[in-house]
Amino acid sequence: MAESSLSNIDPVFPCRECQAGHMHRDYIAYFTWLGDELISVPDFPAWVCDICGRCEYDENALTRLTLLLSPNAGKTIAPARLPRTKTRVKPKVQSPTQPD
């Protein structure tokens, strides 16, 4: 087989629910609550079992969606500046010389 044909195949792993099926990548609707509002995302990447239908949302996609729905999304977060305190420069004091 050519290497290019292998790169187009999505990974498949066994289902943790039924142990008989395989989880395949699919695109389904995702729903979540954001405060009092219901948010729906069509065509959200997920892993779906071909036997029992178990659905696990794609972790990378969930992370990106969480960042987008964050209350701080789009805001520049600047670190709080502490007021500068002036440091006193201590004058150098010469120690008295010892007589020979």
Protein backbone atom coordinates (compact mmCIF):
# COMPACT_ATOMS: atom_id res chain seq x y z
CA MET A 1 0.00 0.00 0.00
CA ALA A 2 1.13 3.50 -0.70
CA GLU A 3 1.90 5.74 2.26
CA SER A 4 -0.50 8.44 1.08
CA SER A 5 -3.48 6.05 1.20
CA LEU A 6 -2.72 5.13 4.82
CA SER A 7 -2.69 8.75 5.99
CA ASN A 8 -6.35 9.21 4.91
CA ILE A 9 -7.61 6.43 7.22
CA ASP A 10 -9.03 7.60 10.55
CA PRO A 11 -7.86 5.67 13.58
CA VAL A 12 -10.32 3.13 14.98
CA PHE A 13 -10.31 1.83 18.54
CA PRO A 14 -12.47 -0.65 20.47
CA CYS A 15 -15.60 0.55 22.25
CA ARG A 16 -15.30 0.70 26.04
CA GLU A 17 -19.05 0.17 26.47
CA CYS A 18 -19.82 -2.97 24.48
CA GLN A 19 -16.26 -4.24 23.76
CA ALA A 20 -17.60 -5.60 20.45
CA GLY A 21 -17.83 -2.48 18.31
CA HIS A 22 -15.29 -0.05 17.01
CA MET A 23 -15.29 3.70 17.57
CA HIS A 24 -15.28 5.61 14.28
CA ARG A 25 -14.95 9.35 13.76
CA ASP A 26 -18.26 11.01 12.91
CA TYR A 27 -19.84 14.47 13.05
CA ILE A 28 -22.87 14.96 15.31
CA ALA A 29 -24.72 17.79 17.06
CA TYR A 30 -23.23 18.97 20.36
CA PHE A 31 -25.38 20.68 23.02
CA THR A 32 -24.26 22.44 26.20
CA TRP A 33 -25.55 25.06 28.60
CA LEU A 34 -23.75 28.38 28.91
CA GLY A 35 -25.38 30.08 31.87
CA ASP A 36 -29.11 30.16 31.03
CA GLU A 37 -28.60 29.68 27.29
CA LEU A 38 -28.54 26.41 25.38
CA ILE A 39 -25.67 26.33 22.88
CA SER A 40 -25.83 23.91 19.95
CA VAL A 41 -22.96 23.15 17.59
CA PRO A 42 -23.83 21.19 14.43
CA ASP A 43 -21.30 18.85 12.83
CA PHE A 44 -19.17 18.53 15.97
CA PRO A 45 -16.42 15.86 15.76
CA ALA A 46 -17.05 12.78 17.87
CA TRP A 47 -16.26 9.07 18.10
CA VAL A 48 -19.29 6.79 17.65
CA CYS A 49 -19.46 3.02 18.16
CA ASP A 50 -20.73 1.13 15.12
CA ILE A 51 -22.48 -1.50 17.32
CA CYS A 52 -23.94 0.14 20.46
CA GLY A 53 -23.92 3.78 19.32
CA ARG A 54 -21.89 5.08 22.28
CA CYS A 55 -20.71 8.63 21.61
CA GLU A 56 -17.55 10.29 22.89
CA TYR A 57 -16.85 13.87 21.86
CA ASP A 58 -13.42 14.59 20.42
CA GLU A 59 -11.17 15.95 23.20
CA ASN A 60 -9.30 18.42 20.98
CA ALA A 61 -12.54 19.86 19.64
CA LEU A 62 -13.96 20.16 23.19
CA THR A 63 -10.86 22.05 24.31
CA ARG A 64 -11.11 24.51 21.43
CA LEU A 65 -14.85 25.00 21.99
CA THR A 66 -14.26 25.63 25.71
CA LEU A 67 -11.71 28.32 24.84
CA LEU A 68 -14.18 29.96 22.43
CA LEU A 69 -17.02 29.93 24.97
CA SER A 70 -14.82 31.23 27.79
CA PRO A 71 -16.01 34.54 29.29
CA ASN A 72 -12.54 35.95 28.60
CA ALA A 73 -12.51 34.95 24.92
CA GLY A 74 -11.20 37.78 22.79
CA LYS A 75 -10.10 39.88 25.73
CA THR A 76 -6.49 40.74 26.29
CA ILE A 77 -5.48 39.56 29.69
CA ALA A 78 -2.80 41.85 31.03
CA PRO A 79 -1.08 40.95 34.27
CA ALA A 80 -1.92 43.29 37.11
CA ARG A 81 0.88 45.78 37.58
CA LEU A 82 2.23 46.23 41.02
CA PRO A 83 3.15 49.77 42.02
CA ARG A 84 6.87 50.28 41.83
CA THR A 85 8.51 50.99 45.13
CA LYS A 86 11.58 53.11 45.06
CA THR A 87 14.57 51.32 46.42
CA ARG A 88 16.93 53.37 48.47
CA VAL A 89 20.49 53.22 47.42
CA LYS A 90 22.65 52.76 50.47
CA PRO A 91 25.78 54.84 50.41
CA LYS A 92 28.97 52.88 50.59
CA VAL A 93 30.64 53.36 53.92
CA GLN A 94 34.34 52.78 54.05
CA SER A 95 35.57 50.90 57.01
CA PRO A 96 38.27 52.65 59.01
CA THR A 97 41.76 51.57 58.13
CA GLN A 98 43.75 49.73 60.72
CA PRO A 99 47.01 51.41 61.76
CA ASP A 100 50.06 49.27 61.27
